[in-house]
Amino acid sequence: MPAGAPLGVGGIDFVPTELTLPPGSILVLYTDGLVEARCADIDQRLTQLLDVLSANSGLPLDGLSQAVVDGLAPAPDDDVALLLARICPPKPGSE
């Protein structure tokens, strides 16, 4: 899926997209301050993010978020916001 404009940017059209995520998936939303760093290639930083997420995906979300921040932004150049959500299977009878 191609990248679009960042959330919150006004005056730009966007197309809503729906995805079905399998149970156990982790949705990761973050600001650019997490992956952009001076003297660092953005593609390498994105790969590093994926590596940290993959290596620690079994942790509870608070531990996973700490691992991400520790691995990518222990002393960030910019503000960092990170939101993680684990997709859980529906409870029986709730469908």
C-alpha atoms as a PDB file:
ATOM      1  CA  MET A   1       0.000   0.000   0.000  1.00  0.00           C
ATOM      2  CA  PRO A   2       1.542   3.347  -0.956  1.00  0.00           C
ATOM      3  CA  ALA A   3       2.280   5.865   1.776  1.00  0.00           C
ATOM      4  CA  GLY A   4       0.012   8.880   1.961  1.00  0.00           C
ATOM      5  CA  ALA A   5       0.177  12.236   3.660  1.00  0.00           C
ATOM      6  CA  PRO A   6       0.710  12.165   7.427  1.00  0.00           C
ATOM      7  CA  LEU A   7      -2.384  12.281   9.607  1.00  0.00           C
ATOM      8  CA  GLY A   8      -3.351  15.795  10.586  1.00  0.00           C
ATOM      9  CA  VAL A   9      -2.125  17.481   7.410  1.00  0.00           C
ATOM     10  CA  GLY A  10      -4.959  19.683   6.201  1.00  0.00           C
ATOM     11  CA  GLY A  11      -6.138  20.339   2.674  1.00  0.00           C
ATOM     12  CA  ILE A  12      -5.076  16.972   1.267  1.00  0.00           C
ATOM     13  CA  ASP A  13      -7.536  14.362   0.038  1.00  0.00           C
ATOM     14  CA  PHE A  14      -7.099  10.829   1.260  1.00  0.00           C
ATOM     15  CA  VAL A  15      -8.784   7.538   0.578  1.00  0.00           C
ATOM     16  CA  PRO A  16      -9.915   5.485   3.573  1.00  0.00           C
ATOM     17  CA  THR A  17      -8.561   1.955   3.499  1.00  0.00           C
ATOM     18  CA  GLU A  18      -9.872  -1.078   5.335  1.00  0.00           C
ATOM     19  CA  LEU A  19      -7.621  -3.993   6.176  1.00  0.00           C
ATOM     20  CA  THR A  20      -8.393  -7.265   7.875  1.00  0.00           C
ATOM     21  CA  LEU A  21      -5.647  -8.066  10.330  1.00  0.00           C
ATOM     22  CA  PRO A  22      -5.264 -11.601  11.625  1.00  0.00           C
ATOM     23  CA  PRO A  23      -5.513 -12.219  15.377  1.00  0.00           C
ATOM     24  CA  GLY A  24      -2.178 -11.596  17.055  1.00  0.00           C
ATOM     25  CA  SER A  25      -1.179  -8.849  14.626  1.00  0.00           C
ATOM     26  CA  ILE A  26       0.217  -5.672  16.117  1.00  0.00           C
ATOM     27  CA  LEU A  27      -0.838  -2.329  14.698  1.00  0.00           C
ATOM     28  CA  VAL A  28       1.956   0.230  15.130  1.00  0.00           C
ATOM     29  CA  LEU A  29       1.353   3.963  14.751  1.00  0.00           C
ATOM     30  CA  TYR A  30       4.216   6.396  15.323  1.00  0.00           C
ATOM     31  CA  THR A  31       5.435   9.884  14.588  1.00  0.00           C
ATOM     32  CA  ASP A  32       8.445  10.641  12.429  1.00  0.00           C
ATOM     33  CA  GLY A  33      10.523  11.416  15.512  1.00  0.00           C
ATOM     34  CA  LEU A  34      10.794   7.674  16.145  1.00  0.00           C
ATOM     35  CA  VAL A  35      12.395   6.790  12.813  1.00  0.00           C
ATOM     36  CA  GLU A  36      14.067   9.982  11.639  1.00  0.00           C
ATOM     37  CA  ALA A  37      17.462  10.749  13.085  1.00  0.00           C
ATOM     38  CA  ARG A  38      20.327  12.991  12.060  1.00  0.00           C
ATOM     39  CA  CYS A  39      22.979  11.206  10.016  1.00  0.00           C
ATOM     40  CA  ALA A  40      20.807   8.091   9.636  1.00  0.00           C
ATOM     41  CA  ASP A  41      19.214   6.639   6.527  1.00  0.00           C
ATOM     42  CA  ILE A  42      15.413   6.453   6.876  1.00  0.00           C
ATOM     43  CA  ASP A  43      15.241   3.043   5.186  1.00  0.00           C
ATOM     44  CA  GLN A  44      17.754   1.638   7.671  1.00  0.00           C
ATOM     45  CA  ARG A  45      15.758   3.126  10.545  1.00  0.00           C
ATOM     46  CA  LEU A  46      12.524   1.567   9.247  1.00  0.00           C
ATOM     47  CA  THR A  47      14.291  -1.792   8.941  1.00  0.00           C
ATOM     48  CA  GLN A  48      15.575  -1.354  12.489  1.00  0.00           C
ATOM     49  CA  LEU A  49      11.994  -0.680  13.663  1.00  0.00           C
ATOM     50  CA  LEU A  50      10.769  -3.872  11.996  1.00  0.00           C
ATOM     51  CA  ASP A  51      13.654  -5.841  13.506  1.00  0.00           C
ATOM     52  CA  VAL A  52      12.894  -4.582  17.043  1.00  0.00           C
ATOM     53  CA  LEU A  53       9.176  -5.280  16.611  1.00  0.00           C
ATOM     54  CA  SER A  54       9.815  -8.794  15.267  1.00  0.00           C
ATOM     55  CA  ALA A  55      12.337  -9.683  17.959  1.00  0.00           C
ATOM     56  CA  ASN A  56      10.053  -8.518  20.769  1.00  0.00           C
ATOM     57  CA  SER A  57       6.546  -9.224  19.425  1.00  0.00           C
ATOM     58  CA  GLY A  58       5.769 -11.723  22.178  1.00  0.00           C
ATOM     59  CA  LEU A  59       6.167  -9.127  24.931  1.00  0.00           C
ATOM     60  CA  PRO A  60       3.196  -7.391  26.511  1.00  0.00           C
ATOM     61  CA  LEU A  61       2.535  -4.102  24.719  1.00  0.00           C
ATOM     62  CA  ASP A  62       4.113  -1.956  27.435  1.00  0.00           C
ATOM     63  CA  GLY A  63       7.325  -3.999  27.200  1.00  0.00           C
ATOM     64  CA  LEU A  64       7.227  -3.914  23.405  1.00  0.00           C
ATOM     65  CA  SER A  65       6.804  -0.145  23.353  1.00  0.00           C
ATOM     66  CA  GLN A  66       9.723   0.239  25.754  1.00  0.00           C
ATOM     67  CA  ALA A  67      11.885  -2.007  23.564  1.00  0.00           C
ATOM     68  CA  VAL A  68      11.001   0.094  20.498  1.00  0.00           C
ATOM     69  CA  VAL A  69      11.812   3.392  22.220  1.00  0.00           C
ATOM     70  CA  ASP A  70      15.013   2.001  23.748  1.00  0.00           C
ATOM     71  CA  GLY A  71      16.084   0.552  20.394  1.00  0.00           C
ATOM     72  CA  LEU A  72      15.297   3.526  18.198  1.00  0.00           C
ATOM     73  CA  ALA A  73      14.954   6.664  20.262  1.00  0.00           C
ATOM     74  CA  PRO A  74      16.764   6.523  23.610  1.00  0.00           C
ATOM     75  CA  ALA A  75      17.751  10.203  23.080  1.00  0.00           C
ATOM     76  CA  PRO A  76      15.505  11.421  20.245  1.00  0.00           C
ATOM     77  CA  ASP A  77      16.179  14.515  18.131  1.00  0.00           C
ATOM     78  CA  ASP A  78      12.424  15.176  17.874  1.00  0.00           C
ATOM     79  CA  ASP A  79       9.229  14.393  19.752  1.00  0.00           C
ATOM     80  CA  VAL A  80       8.163  10.756  19.628  1.00  0.00           C
ATOM     81  CA  ALA A  81       4.666   9.307  19.873  1.00  0.00           C
ATOM     82  CA  LEU A  82       4.052   5.575  19.676  1.00  0.00           C
ATOM     83  CA  LEU A  83       0.763   3.671  19.784  1.00  0.00           C
ATOM     84  CA  LEU A  84       0.606  -0.124  19.714  1.00  0.00           C
ATOM     85  CA  ALA A  85      -2.549  -2.238  19.489  1.00  0.00           C
ATOM     86  CA  ARG A  86      -2.634  -6.030  19.454  1.00  0.00           C
ATOM     87  CA  ILE A  87      -5.466  -7.466  17.401  1.00  0.00           C
ATOM     88  CA  CYS A  88      -7.314 -10.038  19.515  1.00  0.00           C
ATOM     89  CA  PRO A  89      -9.699 -12.680  18.200  1.00  0.00           C
ATOM     90  CA  PRO A  90     -13.380 -11.908  18.726  1.00  0.00           C
ATOM     91  CA  LYS A  91     -14.925 -13.377  21.841  1.00  0.00           C
ATOM     92  CA  PRO A  92     -17.350 -16.249  21.190  1.00  0.00           C
ATOM     93  CA  GLY A  93     -20.865 -14.928  20.654  1.00  0.00           C
ATOM     94  CA  SER A  94     -19.760 -11.318  19.992  1.00  0.00           C
ATOM     95  CA  GLU A  95     -19.899 -11.549  16.212  1.00  0.00           C
END
